[in-house]
Amino acid sequence: MTQRHIKPAYAKIDAAHVLDGLFVPTSGKKREKLFVPLRKFGNCKIGFQGFDQLGAFDQSILLAVSAQLGIDGLRIEAKPKGPISQQLRKDIYKPNKAEDDGSDLRTKKTSLRSLLLDAGSKDIEGGHALQLVKDSLNRLSNAQIREIGSDGWDRRCNLLSVSFNEKTGEVFVAANPRLSQAVFRGQHVKVSLFERNLLNSQAAKILHCWLSSNIRLGKTLGNGNGAQLDTLLPHVWGIESMEKASAKVKSTRRSQLRDALNEIESATKRLGIPWVVDQTSNGLVSVSRPKELCIEDRNFDTPHELEELYEEMRELEAEADDQPDDWVSPPIEDWYSGRL
């Protein structure tokens, strides 16, 4: 019997991977180079750069990788013995011949189809769809994260490293040290994939990920005070892009942002535990997150099938994650403010 693919309920993500400008809507325009300048993040500075700007689909693939690593990812130690592990580790530290600091990496054997499935793609078999995920993995593996720590050392590595066998279709993927640590033992935020995969627009997907990193379960944006619509724009389109945007472009993006907020509320109602959004005419926006993280998509054929999935997920998570289930990273705004 073919082993069932277990759809992850959520992805654990390092909050630095949600920095403004790393992922932005890219449809309908040529991709520029990725560049997110160094910004203070906790006790360090973090930035990103790459050959191509990353978009919402790339974020979906990264979240899918992170979610799968959380279920049954394996460890790549400082000096691995296997040739695939050696190559994955070498490729993570490829940028500018970066020095390998010996941190544990997490890896997994996966497939293009399973990544598409967890990324919410409806087409997981067509040649075009498979090429899209290949291209996305290529962009992610050529994007660099740069971190200047409190010790003053300047460290760089790629977001992911990927090894793909064209004959067998096997895909091995490894995550950078920050993401690897977040998935298994470090501070992290949780993004519901069931919620995200109900969303259609790129703006809604990127905004949902940012909101998930900034609002605790059962809480409201801005500690209950809400936020002005214009302050949310950089979280979707990036700070530098908004600074260069014309008045017409800003107006269009405000409209897209309002639509994205409505889409998040409308889509999550289908899950029975919706986000609550209140938009006022003066631009003040209130966003409340459900008290519970959605762990089902209510699209299974029978209750028995869903219960089997729950049991498998509970067993795998118990083996893969020794952290308490309710332990999450502080909101990203706390890192920005220097409170942590």
C-alpha atoms as a PDB file:
ATOM      1  CA  MET A   1       0.000   0.000   0.000  1.00  0.00           C
ATOM      2  CA  THR A   2       1.315   3.449  -0.891  1.00  0.00           C
ATOM      3  CA  GLN A   3       2.280   5.439   2.171  1.00  0.00           C
ATOM      4  CA  ARG A   4      -0.056   8.333   2.744  1.00  0.00           C
ATOM      5  CA  HIS A   5       1.459  11.807   2.457  1.00  0.00           C
ATOM      6  CA  ILE A   6       0.791  13.518   5.779  1.00  0.00           C
ATOM      7  CA  LYS A   7      -0.283  17.104   5.201  1.00  0.00           C
ATOM      8  CA  PRO A   8       1.428  19.272   7.833  1.00  0.00           C
ATOM      9  CA  ALA A   9      -0.893  21.485   9.854  1.00  0.00           C
ATOM     10  CA  TYR A  10       1.630  24.281  10.176  1.00  0.00           C
ATOM     11  CA  ALA A  11       5.175  25.337   9.478  1.00  0.00           C
ATOM     12  CA  LYS A  12       7.639  26.498  12.098  1.00  0.00           C
ATOM     13  CA  ILE A  13       9.625  29.402  10.745  1.00  0.00           C
ATOM     14  CA  ASP A  14      12.434  31.565  12.058  1.00  0.00           C
ATOM     15  CA  ALA A  15      11.039  35.081  12.477  1.00  0.00           C
ATOM     16  CA  ALA A  16      13.972  36.576  10.545  1.00  0.00           C
ATOM     17  CA  HIS A  17      12.659  34.801   7.445  1.00  0.00           C
ATOM     18  CA  VAL A  18       9.608  37.094   7.550  1.00  0.00           C
ATOM     19  CA  LEU A  19      11.570  40.351   7.298  1.00  0.00           C
ATOM     20  CA  ASP A  20       9.995  42.997   5.058  1.00  0.00           C
ATOM     21  CA  GLY A  21      11.075  42.671   1.432  1.00  0.00           C
ATOM     22  CA  LEU A  22      12.319  39.079   1.502  1.00  0.00           C
ATOM     23  CA  PHE A  23       9.084  37.862  -0.108  1.00  0.00           C
ATOM     24  CA  VAL A  24       6.921  40.261  -2.136  1.00  0.00           C
ATOM     25  CA  PRO A  25       4.196  39.928  -4.818  1.00  0.00           C
ATOM     26  CA  THR A  26       5.951  39.281  -8.131  1.00  0.00           C
ATOM     27  CA  SER A  27       3.199  38.461 -10.647  1.00  0.00           C
ATOM     28  CA  GLY A  28       3.026  40.516 -13.813  1.00  0.00           C
ATOM     29  CA  LYS A  29       6.515  41.991 -13.606  1.00  0.00           C
ATOM     30  CA  LYS A  30      10.129  41.050 -14.163  1.00  0.00           C
ATOM     31  CA  ARG A  31      11.923  39.918 -11.032  1.00  0.00           C
ATOM     32  CA  GLU A  32      14.569  42.293  -9.813  1.00  0.00           C
ATOM     33  CA  LYS A  33      17.522  41.190  -7.716  1.00  0.00           C
ATOM     34  CA  LEU A  34      16.809  40.321  -4.108  1.00  0.00           C
ATOM     35  CA  PHE A  35      18.265  42.795  -1.651  1.00  0.00           C
ATOM     36  CA  VAL A  36      17.156  43.359   1.921  1.00  0.00           C
ATOM     37  CA  PRO A  37      19.722  45.588   3.667  1.00  0.00           C
ATOM     38  CA  LEU A  38      21.044  44.707   7.091  1.00  0.00           C
ATOM     39  CA  ARG A  39      18.553  45.498   9.850  1.00  0.00           C
ATOM     40  CA  LYS A  40      18.735  45.162  13.605  1.00  0.00           C
ATOM     41  CA  PHE A  41      17.106  41.930  14.704  1.00  0.00           C
ATOM     42  CA  GLY A  42      17.410  41.149  18.402  1.00  0.00           C
ATOM     43  CA  ASN A  43      21.098  41.228  19.304  1.00  0.00           C
ATOM     44  CA  CYS A  44      22.313  40.943  15.723  1.00  0.00           C
ATOM     45  CA  LYS A  45      21.836  42.386  12.237  1.00  0.00           C
ATOM     46  CA  ILE A  46      20.310  40.377   9.403  1.00  0.00           C
ATOM     47  CA  GLY A  47      19.962  40.965   5.655  1.00  0.00           C
ATOM     48  CA  PHE A  48      19.287  39.004   2.477  1.00  0.00           C
ATOM     49  CA  GLN A  49      20.471  39.085  -1.122  1.00  0.00           C
ATOM     50  CA  GLY A  50      20.152  36.960  -4.232  1.00  0.00           C
ATOM     51  CA  PHE A  51      19.970  36.827  -8.008  1.00  0.00           C
ATOM     52  CA  ASP A  52      16.159  36.973  -8.059  1.00  0.00           C
ATOM     53  CA  GLN A  53      13.547  38.591  -5.860  1.00  0.00           C
ATOM     54  CA  LEU A  54      11.543  35.970  -3.949  1.00  0.00           C
ATOM     55  CA  GLY A  55       7.755  35.882  -4.297  1.00  0.00           C
ATOM     56  CA  ALA A  56       4.706  34.417  -2.590  1.00  0.00           C
ATOM     57  CA  PHE A  57       5.136  31.034  -4.277  1.00  0.00           C
ATOM     58  CA  ASP A  58       8.745  30.874  -3.081  1.00  0.00           C
ATOM     59  CA  GLN A  59       7.509  31.599   0.438  1.00  0.00           C
ATOM     60  CA  SER A  60       4.962  28.784   0.089  1.00  0.00           C
ATOM     61  CA  ILE A  61       7.724  26.364  -0.939  1.00  0.00           C
ATOM     62  CA  LEU A  62       9.961  27.467   1.944  1.00  0.00           C
ATOM     63  CA  LEU A  63       7.078  26.972   4.396  1.00  0.00           C
ATOM     64  CA  ALA A  64       6.403  23.542   2.871  1.00  0.00           C
ATOM     65  CA  VAL A  65      10.070  22.580   3.330  1.00  0.00           C
ATOM     66  CA  SER A  66      10.031  23.853   6.918  1.00  0.00           C
ATOM     67  CA  ALA A  67       6.822  21.967   7.694  1.00  0.00           C
ATOM     68  CA  GLN A  68       8.182  18.707   6.296  1.00  0.00           C
ATOM     69  CA  LEU A  69      11.438  19.106   8.207  1.00  0.00           C
ATOM     70  CA  GLY A  70       9.352  19.455  11.368  1.00  0.00           C
ATOM     71  CA  ILE A  71       7.685  16.089  10.795  1.00  0.00           C
ATOM     72  CA  ASP A  72      10.584  13.821   9.892  1.00  0.00           C
ATOM     73  CA  GLY A  73      13.671  15.872   9.129  1.00  0.00           C
ATOM     74  CA  LEU A  74      17.115  14.392   9.804  1.00  0.00           C
ATOM     75  CA  ARG A  75      20.287  15.921  11.225  1.00  0.00           C
ATOM     76  CA  ILE A  76      23.385  16.825   9.238  1.00  0.00           C
ATOM     77  CA  GLU A  77      26.229  17.066  11.728  1.00  0.00           C
ATOM     78  CA  ALA A  78      29.364  19.151  11.394  1.00  0.00           C
ATOM     79  CA  LYS A  79      31.290  16.429   9.525  1.00  0.00           C
ATOM     80  CA  PRO A  80      28.792  14.168   7.764  1.00  0.00           C
ATOM     81  CA  LYS A  81      29.922  10.872   6.244  1.00  0.00           C
ATOM     82  CA  GLY A  82      27.422  10.440   3.409  1.00  0.00           C
ATOM     83  CA  PRO A  83      28.129  12.081   0.025  1.00  0.00           C
ATOM     84  CA  ILE A  84      24.678  13.706  -0.256  1.00  0.00           C
ATOM     85  CA  SER A  85      24.899  15.165   3.259  1.00  0.00           C
ATOM     86  CA  GLN A  86      28.410  16.407   2.534  1.00  0.00           C
ATOM     87  CA  GLN A  87      27.272  18.142  -0.653  1.00  0.00           C
ATOM     88  CA  LEU A  88      24.193  19.684   0.990  1.00  0.00           C
ATOM     89  CA  ARG A  89      26.312  21.076   3.803  1.00  0.00           C
ATOM     90  CA  LYS A  90      28.951  22.385   1.409  1.00  0.00           C
ATOM     91  CA  ASP A  91      26.305  24.126  -0.702  1.00  0.00           C
ATOM     92  CA  ILE A  92      24.721  25.852   2.306  1.00  0.00           C
ATOM     93  CA  TYR A  93      28.021  27.586   3.005  1.00  0.00           C
ATOM     94  CA  LYS A  94      28.869  28.280  -0.636  1.00  0.00           C
ATOM     95  CA  PRO A  95      28.436  32.124  -0.658  1.00  0.00           C
ATOM     96  CA  ASN A  96      31.839  33.795  -0.877  1.00  0.00           C
ATOM     97  CA  LYS A  97      33.383  30.576   0.451  1.00  0.00           C
ATOM     98  CA  ALA A  98      31.684  31.202   3.782  1.00  0.00           C
ATOM     99  CA  GLU A  99      33.178  29.463   6.777  1.00  0.00           C
ATOM    100  CA  ASP A 100      31.210  26.476   8.090  1.00  0.00           C
ATOM    101  CA  ASP A 101      30.625  27.168  11.793  1.00  0.00           C
ATOM    102  CA  GLY A 102      29.670  23.554  12.549  1.00  0.00           C
ATOM    103  CA  SER A 103      26.013  24.254  13.332  1.00  0.00           C
ATOM    104  CA  ASP A 104      23.554  21.406  12.913  1.00  0.00           C
ATOM    105  CA  LEU A 105      21.527  21.455   9.710  1.00  0.00           C
ATOM    106  CA  ARG A 106      18.238  19.696   9.076  1.00  0.00           C
ATOM    107  CA  THR A 107      17.565  17.768   5.897  1.00  0.00           C
ATOM    108  CA  LYS A 108      14.871  15.638   4.326  1.00  0.00           C
ATOM    109  CA  LYS A 109      14.322  13.464   1.293  1.00  0.00           C
ATOM    110  CA  THR A 110      11.198  14.798  -0.359  1.00  0.00           C
ATOM    111  CA  SER A 111       9.595  15.143  -3.784  1.00  0.00           C
ATOM    112  CA  LEU A 112       8.479  17.975  -6.019  1.00  0.00           C
ATOM    113  CA  ARG A 113       4.879  16.753  -5.828  1.00  0.00           C
ATOM    114  CA  SER A 114       4.765  16.673  -2.028  1.00  0.00           C
ATOM    115  CA  LEU A 115       6.202  20.194  -1.858  1.00  0.00           C
ATOM    116  CA  LEU A 116       3.562  21.388  -4.318  1.00  0.00           C
ATOM    117  CA  LEU A 117       0.855  19.692  -2.260  1.00  0.00           C
ATOM    118  CA  ASP A 118       1.960  21.302   0.995  1.00  0.00           C
ATOM    119  CA  ALA A 119       2.407  24.643  -0.774  1.00  0.00           C
ATOM    120  CA  GLY A 120      -1.284  24.540  -1.680  1.00  0.00           C
ATOM    121  CA  SER A 121      -0.911  23.998  -5.416  1.00  0.00           C
ATOM    122  CA  LYS A 122      -3.914  22.449  -7.158  1.00  0.00           C
ATOM    123  CA  ASP A 123      -1.780  21.038  -9.991  1.00  0.00           C
ATOM    124  CA  ILE A 124       0.832  18.654  -8.573  1.00  0.00           C
ATOM    125  CA  GLU A 125       1.374  16.432 -11.617  1.00  0.00           C
ATOM    126  CA  GLY A 126       1.773  18.649 -14.669  1.00  0.00           C
ATOM    127  CA  GLY A 127       5.169  19.335 -16.166  1.00  0.00           C
ATOM    128  CA  HIS A 128       4.688  23.076 -15.846  1.00  0.00           C
ATOM    129  CA  ALA A 129       3.893  22.795 -12.130  1.00  0.00           C
ATOM    130  CA  LEU A 130       6.931  20.617 -11.487  1.00  0.00           C
ATOM    131  CA  GLN A 131       9.142  23.088 -13.343  1.00  0.00           C
ATOM    132  CA  LEU A 132       7.743  25.918 -11.204  1.00  0.00           C
ATOM    133  CA  VAL A 133       8.809  24.213  -7.982  1.00  0.00           C
ATOM    134  CA  LYS A 134      12.242  23.398  -9.470  1.00  0.00           C
ATOM    135  CA  ASP A 135      12.690  27.061 -10.355  1.00  0.00           C
ATOM    136  CA  SER A 136      11.575  28.100  -6.883  1.00  0.00           C
ATOM    137  CA  LEU A 137      14.024  25.749  -5.175  1.00  0.00           C
ATOM    138  CA  ASN A 138      16.746  27.164  -7.404  1.00  0.00           C
ATOM    139  CA  ARG A 139      15.891  30.725  -6.351  1.00  0.00           C
ATOM    140  CA  LEU A 140      15.772  29.766  -2.667  1.00  0.00           C
ATOM    141  CA  SER A 141      19.088  27.929  -2.866  1.00  0.00           C
ATOM    142  CA  ASN A 142      20.710  30.962  -4.482  1.00  0.00           C
ATOM    143  CA  ALA A 143      19.364  33.447  -1.930  1.00  0.00           C
ATOM    144  CA  GLN A 144      21.778  34.334   0.862  1.00  0.00           C
ATOM    145  CA  ILE A 145      21.149  35.244   4.471  1.00  0.00           C
ATOM    146  CA  ARG A 146      23.751  37.464   6.103  1.00  0.00           C
ATOM    147  CA  GLU A 147      24.053  37.793   9.873  1.00  0.00           C
ATOM    148  CA  ILE A 148      26.382  39.977  11.913  1.00  0.00           C
ATOM    149  CA  GLY A 149      26.263  38.645  15.446  1.00  0.00           C
ATOM    150  CA  SER A 150      26.852  40.353  18.755  1.00  0.00           C
ATOM    151  CA  ASP A 151      30.376  38.942  18.603  1.00  0.00           C
ATOM    152  CA  GLY A 152      31.007  41.022  15.484  1.00  0.00           C
ATOM    153  CA  TRP A 153      31.486  38.087  13.104  1.00  0.00           C
ATOM    154  CA  ASP A 154      29.935  38.426   9.649  1.00  0.00           C
ATOM    155  CA  ARG A 155      28.344  35.087   8.664  1.00  0.00           C
ATOM    156  CA  ARG A 156      26.713  34.209   5.349  1.00  0.00           C
ATOM    157  CA  CYS A 157      25.023  31.141   3.940  1.00  0.00           C
ATOM    158  CA  ASN A 158      22.284  30.134   1.513  1.00  0.00           C
ATOM    159  CA  LEU A 159      18.661  29.805   2.614  1.00  0.00           C
ATOM    160  CA  LEU A 160      18.501  26.224   1.348  1.00  0.00           C
ATOM    161  CA  SER A 161      20.672  23.673  -0.396  1.00  0.00           C
ATOM    162  CA  VAL A 162      19.105  21.196  -2.810  1.00  0.00           C
ATOM    163  CA  SER A 163      20.279  17.977  -4.435  1.00  0.00           C
ATOM    164  CA  PHE A 164      18.056  16.705  -7.266  1.00  0.00           C
ATOM    165  CA  ASN A 165      18.352  13.425  -9.191  1.00  0.00           C
ATOM    166  CA  GLU A 166      16.937  13.944 -12.684  1.00  0.00           C
ATOM    167  CA  LYS A 167      16.663  10.183 -13.318  1.00  0.00           C
ATOM    168  CA  THR A 168      14.937   9.055 -10.130  1.00  0.00           C
ATOM    169  CA  GLY A 169      13.163  12.284  -9.215  1.00  0.00           C
ATOM    170  CA  GLU A 170      14.649  12.179  -5.706  1.00  0.00           C
ATOM    171  CA  VAL A 171      14.990  15.553  -3.995  1.00  0.00           C
ATOM    172  CA  PHE A 172      17.108  16.173  -0.906  1.00  0.00           C
ATOM    173  CA  VAL A 173      16.826  19.575   0.732  1.00  0.00           C
ATOM    174  CA  ALA A 174      18.656  21.113   3.711  1.00  0.00           C
ATOM    175  CA  ALA A 175      17.850  24.313   5.611  1.00  0.00           C
ATOM    176  CA  ASN A 176      20.220  27.017   6.811  1.00  0.00           C
ATOM    177  CA  PRO A 177      21.280  26.966  10.498  1.00  0.00           C
ATOM    178  CA  ARG A 178      18.755  29.597  11.665  1.00  0.00           C
ATOM    179  CA  LEU A 179      15.821  27.813  10.063  1.00  0.00           C
ATOM    180  CA  SER A 180      17.109  24.401  11.161  1.00  0.00           C
ATOM    181  CA  GLN A 181      17.288  25.576  14.752  1.00  0.00           C
ATOM    182  CA  ALA A 182      13.806  27.126  14.599  1.00  0.00           C
ATOM    183  CA  VAL A 183      12.252  23.931  13.237  1.00  0.00           C
ATOM    184  CA  PHE A 184      13.629  21.724  16.006  1.00  0.00           C
ATOM    185  CA  ARG A 185      14.723  23.524  19.139  1.00  0.00           C
ATOM    186  CA  GLY A 186      14.909  27.269  18.612  1.00  0.00           C
ATOM    187  CA  GLN A 187      12.522  30.169  18.831  1.00  0.00           C
ATOM    188  CA  HIS A 188       9.943  30.089  16.079  1.00  0.00           C
ATOM    189  CA  VAL A 189       6.573  31.278  14.884  1.00  0.00           C
ATOM    190  CA  LYS A 190       3.889  28.956  13.537  1.00  0.00           C
ATOM    191  CA  VAL A 191       2.099  29.570  10.243  1.00  0.00           C
ATOM    192  CA  SER A 192      -1.036  27.530   9.561  1.00  0.00           C
ATOM    193  CA  LEU A 193      -0.757  25.938   6.133  1.00  0.00           C
ATOM    194  CA  PHE A 194      -4.464  25.088   6.092  1.00  0.00           C
ATOM    195  CA  GLU A 195      -5.229  28.802   6.465  1.00  0.00           C
ATOM    196  CA  ARG A 196      -2.601  29.918   3.971  1.00  0.00           C
ATOM    197  CA  ASN A 197      -3.573  27.391   1.333  1.00  0.00           C
ATOM    198  CA  LEU A 198      -7.135  28.719   1.243  1.00  0.00           C
ATOM    199  CA  LEU A 199      -5.821  32.111   0.120  1.00  0.00           C
ATOM    200  CA  ASN A 200      -5.492  32.983  -3.556  1.00  0.00           C
ATOM    201  CA  SER A 201      -3.794  36.365  -3.887  1.00  0.00           C
ATOM    202  CA  GLN A 202      -0.071  36.811  -3.370  1.00  0.00           C
ATOM    203  CA  ALA A 203      -0.665  39.829  -1.141  1.00  0.00           C
ATOM    204  CA  ALA A 204      -2.982  37.809   1.140  1.00  0.00           C
ATOM    205  CA  LYS A 205      -0.463  34.959   1.478  1.00  0.00           C
ATOM    206  CA  ILE A 206       2.446  37.264   2.354  1.00  0.00           C
ATOM    207  CA  LEU A 207       0.312  39.358   4.712  1.00  0.00           C
ATOM    208  CA  HIS A 208      -1.032  36.234   6.453  1.00  0.00           C
ATOM    209  CA  CYS A 209       2.514  35.014   7.110  1.00  0.00           C
ATOM    210  CA  TRP A 210       3.538  38.392   8.533  1.00  0.00           C
ATOM    211  CA  LEU A 211       0.429  38.625  10.715  1.00  0.00           C
ATOM    212  CA  SER A 212       1.037  35.085  11.965  1.00  0.00           C
ATOM    213  CA  SER A 213       4.523  36.129  13.060  1.00  0.00           C
ATOM    214  CA  ASN A 214       3.258  39.238  14.848  1.00  0.00           C
ATOM    215  CA  ILE A 215       0.019  38.218  16.513  1.00  0.00           C
ATOM    216  CA  ARG A 216      -0.120  35.565  19.206  1.00  0.00           C
ATOM    217  CA  LEU A 217      -2.988  33.086  19.176  1.00  0.00           C
ATOM    218  CA  GLY A 218      -6.092  34.719  20.605  1.00  0.00           C
ATOM    219  CA  LYS A 219      -4.584  38.217  20.480  1.00  0.00           C
ATOM    220  CA  THR A 220      -5.070  41.350  18.344  1.00  0.00           C
ATOM    221  CA  LEU A 221      -2.610  43.306  16.203  1.00  0.00           C
ATOM    222  CA  GLY A 222      -0.775  46.096  17.986  1.00  0.00           C
ATOM    223  CA  ASN A 223      -1.584  44.752  21.454  1.00  0.00           C
ATOM    224  CA  GLY A 224      -5.245  45.429  20.787  1.00  0.00           C
ATOM    225  CA  ASN A 225      -4.713  48.905  19.340  1.00  0.00           C
ATOM    226  CA  GLY A 226      -4.692  47.881  15.679  1.00  0.00           C
ATOM    227  CA  ALA A 227      -2.533  49.579  13.041  1.00  0.00           C
ATOM    228  CA  GLN A 228      -2.852  52.095  10.248  1.00  0.00           C
ATOM    229  CA  LEU A 229      -3.284  50.575   6.801  1.00  0.00           C
ATOM    230  CA  ASP A 230      -0.208  52.368   5.445  1.00  0.00           C
ATOM    231  CA  THR A 231       2.027  50.822   8.132  1.00  0.00           C
ATOM    232  CA  LEU A 232       1.118  47.361   6.820  1.00  0.00           C
ATOM    233  CA  LEU A 233       2.109  48.111   3.216  1.00  0.00           C
ATOM    234  CA  PRO A 234       5.896  47.579   3.731  1.00  0.00           C
ATOM    235  CA  HIS A 235       5.221  44.192   5.310  1.00  0.00           C
ATOM    236  CA  VAL A 236       3.839  42.988   1.967  1.00  0.00           C
ATOM    237  CA  TRP A 237       5.787  44.974  -0.662  1.00  0.00           C
ATOM    238  CA  GLY A 238       8.973  45.797   1.279  1.00  0.00           C
ATOM    239  CA  ILE A 239      10.301  49.002   2.798  1.00  0.00           C
ATOM    240  CA  GLU A 240      12.504  50.044  -0.133  1.00  0.00           C
ATOM    241  CA  SER A 241       9.752  49.409  -2.682  1.00  0.00           C
ATOM    242  CA  MET A 242       7.234  51.496  -0.752  1.00  0.00           C
ATOM    243  CA  GLU A 243       9.729  54.354  -0.381  1.00  0.00           C
ATOM    244  CA  LYS A 244      10.102  54.497  -4.193  1.00  0.00           C
ATOM    245  CA  ALA A 245       6.408  53.958  -4.982  1.00  0.00           C
ATOM    246  CA  SER A 246       4.429  56.738  -6.664  1.00  0.00           C
ATOM    247  CA  ALA A 247       1.151  58.040  -5.232  1.00  0.00           C
ATOM    248  CA  LYS A 248      -0.757  56.001  -7.826  1.00  0.00           C
ATOM    249  CA  VAL A 249       1.084  52.784  -6.946  1.00  0.00           C
ATOM    250  CA  LYS A 250       0.518  53.369  -3.228  1.00  0.00           C
ATOM    251  CA  SER A 251      -3.193  53.868  -3.850  1.00  0.00           C
ATOM    252  CA  THR A 252      -3.390  50.618  -5.825  1.00  0.00           C
ATOM    253  CA  ARG A 253      -1.532  48.731  -3.124  1.00  0.00           C
ATOM    254  CA  ARG A 254      -3.825  50.097  -0.414  1.00  0.00           C
ATOM    255  CA  SER A 255      -6.767  48.672  -2.330  1.00  0.00           C
ATOM    256  CA  GLN A 256      -4.979  45.315  -2.744  1.00  0.00           C
ATOM    257  CA  LEU A 257      -4.159  45.287   0.964  1.00  0.00           C
ATOM    258  CA  ARG A 258      -7.796  45.876   1.931  1.00  0.00           C
ATOM    259  CA  ASP A 259      -8.797  43.046  -0.390  1.00  0.00           C
ATOM    260  CA  ALA A 260      -6.116  40.819   1.178  1.00  0.00           C
ATOM    261  CA  LEU A 261      -7.427  41.496   4.684  1.00  0.00           C
ATOM    262  CA  ASN A 262     -10.974  40.685   3.579  1.00  0.00           C
ATOM    263  CA  GLU A 263      -9.722  37.527   1.866  1.00  0.00           C
ATOM    264  CA  ILE A 264      -8.005  36.303   5.041  1.00  0.00           C
ATOM    265  CA  GLU A 265     -11.166  36.785   7.083  1.00  0.00           C
ATOM    266  CA  SER A 266     -13.452  35.284   4.447  1.00  0.00           C
ATOM    267  CA  ALA A 267     -11.265  32.264   3.685  1.00  0.00           C
ATOM    268  CA  THR A 268     -10.648  31.291   7.313  1.00  0.00           C
ATOM    269  CA  LYS A 269     -14.391  31.335   8.058  1.00  0.00           C
ATOM    270  CA  ARG A 270     -14.524  28.109   6.057  1.00  0.00           C
ATOM    271  CA  LEU A 271     -12.360  26.487   8.747  1.00  0.00           C
ATOM    272  CA  GLY A 272     -14.709  27.434  11.568  1.00  0.00           C
ATOM    273  CA  ILE A 273     -12.098  29.445  13.505  1.00  0.00           C
ATOM    274  CA  PRO A 274     -11.696  32.644  11.479  1.00  0.00           C
ATOM    275  CA  TRP A 275      -9.482  35.639  11.783  1.00  0.00           C
ATOM    276  CA  VAL A 276     -11.529  38.743  12.608  1.00  0.00           C
ATOM    277  CA  VAL A 277     -10.780  41.896  10.618  1.00  0.00           C
ATOM    278  CA  ASP A 278     -12.236  45.361  11.168  1.00  0.00           C
ATOM    279  CA  GLN A 279     -11.333  48.135   8.740  1.00  0.00           C
ATOM    280  CA  THR A 280     -12.356  51.735   9.382  1.00  0.00           C
ATOM    281  CA  SER A 281     -12.753  54.564   6.908  1.00  0.00           C
ATOM    282  CA  ASN A 282      -9.847  56.490   8.447  1.00  0.00           C
ATOM    283  CA  GLY A 283      -7.408  53.667   7.710  1.00  0.00           C
ATOM    284  CA  LEU A 284      -7.269  52.003  11.132  1.00  0.00           C
ATOM    285  CA  VAL A 285      -7.193  48.216  10.878  1.00  0.00           C
ATOM    286  CA  SER A 286      -7.895  45.726  13.669  1.00  0.00           C
ATOM    287  CA  VAL A 287      -6.889  42.096  13.119  1.00  0.00           C
ATOM    288  CA  SER A 288      -7.560  39.347  15.680  1.00  0.00           C
ATOM    289  CA  ARG A 289      -6.097  35.863  15.436  1.00  0.00           C
ATOM    290  CA  PRO A 290      -8.080  32.766  16.477  1.00  0.00           C
ATOM    291  CA  LYS A 291      -7.324  31.227  19.866  1.00  0.00           C
ATOM    292  CA  GLU A 292      -6.498  27.903  18.228  1.00  0.00           C
ATOM    293  CA  LEU A 293      -4.196  26.970  15.383  1.00  0.00           C
ATOM    294  CA  CYS A 294      -6.169  25.230  12.668  1.00  0.00           C
ATOM    295  CA  ILE A 295      -5.096  21.584  12.373  1.00  0.00           C
ATOM    296  CA  GLU A 296      -7.637  20.296   9.852  1.00  0.00           C
ATOM    297  CA  ASP A 297      -8.894  21.291   6.433  1.00  0.00           C
ATOM    298  CA  ARG A 298     -12.272  19.489   6.633  1.00  0.00           C
ATOM    299  CA  ASN A 299     -11.892  18.081   3.140  1.00  0.00           C
ATOM    300  CA  PHE A 300     -11.293  14.421   3.977  1.00  0.00           C
ATOM    301  CA  ASP A 301     -13.580  11.703   2.647  1.00  0.00           C
ATOM    302  CA  THR A 302     -14.432  10.199   6.045  1.00  0.00           C
ATOM    303  CA  PRO A 303     -14.006  11.077   9.756  1.00  0.00           C
ATOM    304  CA  HIS A 304     -11.927   7.898  10.084  1.00  0.00           C
ATOM    305  CA  GLU A 305      -9.417   9.163   7.507  1.00  0.00           C
ATOM    306  CA  LEU A 306      -9.086  12.431   9.399  1.00  0.00           C
ATOM    307  CA  GLU A 307      -8.609  10.628  12.733  1.00  0.00           C
ATOM    308  CA  GLU A 308      -5.905   8.433  11.195  1.00  0.00           C
ATOM    309  CA  LEU A 309      -4.133  11.573  10.036  1.00  0.00           C
ATOM    310  CA  TYR A 310      -4.331  13.118  13.516  1.00  0.00           C
ATOM    311  CA  GLU A 311      -2.861   9.990  15.093  1.00  0.00           C
ATOM    312  CA  GLU A 312       0.007   9.837  12.597  1.00  0.00           C
ATOM    313  CA  MET A 313       0.761  13.520  13.112  1.00  0.00           C
ATOM    314  CA  ARG A 314       0.767  13.140  16.903  1.00  0.00           C
ATOM    315  CA  GLU A 315       3.169  10.204  16.756  1.00  0.00           C
ATOM    316  CA  LEU A 316       5.571  11.874  14.316  1.00  0.00           C
ATOM    317  CA  GLU A 317       5.605  15.206  16.127  1.00  0.00           C
ATOM    318  CA  ALA A 318       6.271  13.461  19.450  1.00  0.00           C
ATOM    319  CA  GLU A 319       9.354  11.872  17.890  1.00  0.00           C
ATOM    320  CA  ALA A 320      10.568  14.944  16.013  1.00  0.00           C
ATOM    321  CA  ASP A 321       9.971  17.791  18.443  1.00  0.00           C
ATOM    322  CA  ASP A 322      10.863  17.767  22.129  1.00  0.00           C
ATOM    323  CA  GLN A 323       9.611  21.312  22.723  1.00  0.00           C
ATOM    324  CA  PRO A 324       6.248  22.040  24.395  1.00  0.00           C
ATOM    325  CA  ASP A 325       3.549  22.477  21.750  1.00  0.00           C
ATOM    326  CA  ASP A 326       2.574  25.921  23.025  1.00  0.00           C
ATOM    327  CA  TRP A 327       6.128  27.306  22.992  1.00  0.00           C
ATOM    328  CA  VAL A 328       6.491  29.916  20.288  1.00  0.00           C
ATOM    329  CA  SER A 329       8.794  32.785  19.542  1.00  0.00           C
ATOM    330  CA  PRO A 330       7.883  36.269  20.727  1.00  0.00           C
ATOM    331  CA  PRO A 331       6.281  38.405  18.008  1.00  0.00           C
ATOM    332  CA  ILE A 332       8.740  39.730  15.457  1.00  0.00           C
ATOM    333  CA  GLU A 333       7.963  43.298  16.581  1.00  0.00           C
ATOM    334  CA  ASP A 334       9.684  42.475  19.913  1.00  0.00           C
ATOM    335  CA  TRP A 335      12.866  41.608  17.996  1.00  0.00           C
ATOM    336  CA  TYR A 336      12.672  44.833  16.024  1.00  0.00           C
ATOM    337  CA  SER A 337      12.204  46.941  19.129  1.00  0.00           C
ATOM    338  CA  GLY A 338      15.198  45.414  20.870  1.00  0.00           C
ATOM    339  CA  ARG A 339      13.094  44.224  23.815  1.00  0.00           C
ATOM    340  CA  LEU A 340      14.686  40.787  23.422  1.00  0.00           C
END
